[in-house]
C-alpha atoms as a PDB file:
ATOM      1  CA  ALA A   1      18.973   0.479 -10.261  1.00  0.00           C
ATOM      2  CA  CYS A   2      15.307   1.171  -9.745  1.00  0.00           C
ATOM      3  CA  LEU A   3      12.893  -0.050 -12.314  1.00  0.00           C
ATOM      4  CA  GLY A   4      10.150   1.906 -14.528  1.00  0.00           C
ATOM      5  CA  MET A   5       8.777   4.973 -12.610  1.00  0.00           C
ATOM      6  CA  GLU A   6      10.368   3.992  -9.346  1.00  0.00           C
ATOM      7  CA  THR A   7      12.912   6.394  -8.005  1.00  0.00           C
ATOM      8  CA  PHE A   8      15.425   6.257  -5.337  1.00  0.00           C
ATOM      9  CA  VAL A   9      14.811   7.194  -1.852  1.00  0.00           C
ATOM     10  CA  MET A  10      16.860   6.938   1.069  1.00  0.00           C
ATOM     11  CA  GLY A  11      18.337   3.399  -0.030  1.00  0.00           C
ATOM     12  CA  ARG A  12      14.746   2.012  -1.570  1.00  0.00           C
ATOM     13  CA  CYS A  13      13.382   1.895  -4.971  1.00  0.00           C
ATOM     14  CA  CYS A  14       9.761   3.689  -4.372  1.00  0.00           C
ATOM     15  CA  GLY A  15       7.068   4.169  -6.769  1.00  0.00           C
ATOM     16  CA  PRO A  16       3.721   5.623  -7.222  1.00  0.00           C
ATOM     17  CA  LEU A  17       0.958   4.068  -5.321  1.00  0.00           C
ATOM     18  CA  GLN A  18      -1.450   1.430  -6.725  1.00  0.00           C
ATOM     19  CA  MET A  19      -4.963   2.323  -7.160  1.00  0.00           C
ATOM     20  CA  GLY A  20      -7.474   1.240  -4.894  1.00  0.00           C
ATOM     21  CA  SER A  21     -10.360   1.906  -2.309  1.00  0.00           C
ATOM     22  CA  TYR A  22      -7.651   1.783   0.554  1.00  0.00           C
ATOM     23  CA  GLN A  23      -6.709   5.440  -0.248  1.00  0.00           C
ATOM     24  CA  THR A  24      -9.556   6.858   1.588  1.00  0.00           C
ATOM     25  CA  THR A  25      -8.910   5.108   4.944  1.00  0.00           C
ATOM     26  CA  CYS A  26      -5.346   4.718   4.875  1.00  0.00           C
ATOM     27  CA  VAL A  27      -2.515   7.265   5.462  1.00  0.00           C
ATOM     28  CA  GLY A  28       1.331   7.446   5.388  1.00  0.00           C
ATOM     29  CA  CYS A  29       1.289   5.175   2.429  1.00  0.00           C
ATOM     30  CA  ASP A  30       4.401   4.143   0.440  1.00  0.00           C
ATOM     31  CA  ALA A  31       5.195   1.836  -2.293  1.00  0.00           C
ATOM     32  CA  CYS A  32       8.883   0.984  -2.103  1.00  0.00           C
ATOM     33  CA  ASN A  33      10.925  -2.217  -2.852  1.00  0.00           C
ATOM     34  CA  GLY A  34       7.900  -4.139  -4.088  1.00  0.00           C
ATOM     35  CA  ILE A  35       5.922  -3.563  -0.801  1.00  0.00           C
ATOM     36  CA  LEU A  36       2.929  -1.073  -0.211  1.00  0.00           C
ATOM     37  CA  SER A  37       2.820  -0.045   3.496  1.00  0.00           C
ATOM     38  CA  CYS A  38       0.559   2.308   5.256  1.00  0.00           C
ATOM     39  CA  GLN A  39      -1.349   2.878   8.598  1.00  0.00           C
ATOM     40  CA  CYS A  40      -4.990   1.773   7.837  1.00  0.00           C
ATOM     41  CA  GLU A  41      -8.166   2.296   9.787  1.00  0.00           C
ATOM     42  CA  ASP A  42      -9.908  -0.689  11.097  1.00  0.00           C
ATOM     43  CA  ALA A  43     -13.527  -0.993  11.859  1.00  0.00           C
ATOM     44  CA  MET A  44     -13.141   1.013  15.147  1.00  0.00           C
ATOM     45  CA  HIS A  45     -11.203   3.644  13.526  1.00  0.00           C
ATOM     46  CA  ASN A  46      -8.044   3.000  14.903  1.00  0.00           C
ATOM     47  CA  LEU A  47      -5.102   3.087  12.444  1.00  0.00           C
ATOM     48  CA  GLN A  48      -3.060  -0.304  11.908  1.00  0.00           C
ATOM     49  CA  PRO A  49       0.267  -0.917  10.550  1.00  0.00           C
ATOM     50  CA  THR A  50      -0.166  -3.187   7.448  1.00  0.00           C
ATOM     51  CA  SER A  51       1.298  -3.864   4.163  1.00  0.00           C
ATOM     52  CA  ILE A  52       1.128  -6.097   1.105  1.00  0.00           C
ATOM     53  CA  PRO A  53       3.229  -7.143  -1.869  1.00  0.00           C
ATOM     54  CA  LEU A  54       2.629  -5.390  -4.832  1.00  0.00           C
ATOM     55  CA  SER A  55       3.187  -8.202  -7.287  1.00  0.00           C
ATOM     56  CA  SER A  56       0.353 -10.241  -5.539  1.00  0.00           C
ATOM     57  CA  CYS A  57      -2.241  -7.594  -6.735  1.00  0.00           C
ATOM     58  CA  GLY A  58      -3.476  -6.080  -9.946  1.00  0.00           C
ATOM     59  CA  SER A  59      -4.760  -2.486  -9.397  1.00  0.00           C
ATOM     60  CA  ASN A  60      -7.413  -2.614  -6.620  1.00  0.00           C
ATOM     61  CA  ILE A  61      -6.050  -2.928  -3.079  1.00  0.00           C
ATOM     62  CA  THR A  62      -8.730  -2.829  -0.455  1.00  0.00           C
ATOM     63  CA  ASN A  63      -8.352  -1.829   3.172  1.00  0.00           C
ATOM     64  CA  CYS A  64     -10.215  -4.610   5.117  1.00  0.00           C
ATOM     65  CA  ASN A  65     -10.407  -3.655   8.944  1.00  0.00           C
ATOM     66  CA  GLY A  66      -6.858  -2.361   9.095  1.00  0.00           C
ATOM     67  CA  VAL A  67      -5.501  -5.172   6.594  1.00  0.00           C
ATOM     68  CA  LEU A  68      -4.644  -4.478   2.890  1.00  0.00           C
ATOM     69  CA  LEU A  69      -6.057  -7.124   0.796  1.00  0.00           C
ATOM     70  CA  CYS A  70      -6.368  -7.541  -3.150  1.00  0.00           C
ATOM     71  CA  ALA A  71      -9.699  -7.256  -5.030  1.00  0.00           C
ATOM     72  CA  GLY A  72     -11.961  -6.777  -2.062  1.00  0.00           C
ATOM     73  CA  CYS A  73     -12.374  -8.364   1.456  1.00  0.00           C
END
């Protein structure tokens, strides 16, 4: 069973995206099974696959040169 606001999607429990500045430079994001996964722009504006465990962050995830990090670079 999925928790809270999560829904069961193709074998995974997925919920709403965490807040953060990453949303302006990342695409294709999903928050499933406790992990936020995106394609995020690096300094050269190339998309890089990246992910971060949601339990490690509060509500401020940042895209740092194609890598998702908590609370700034």
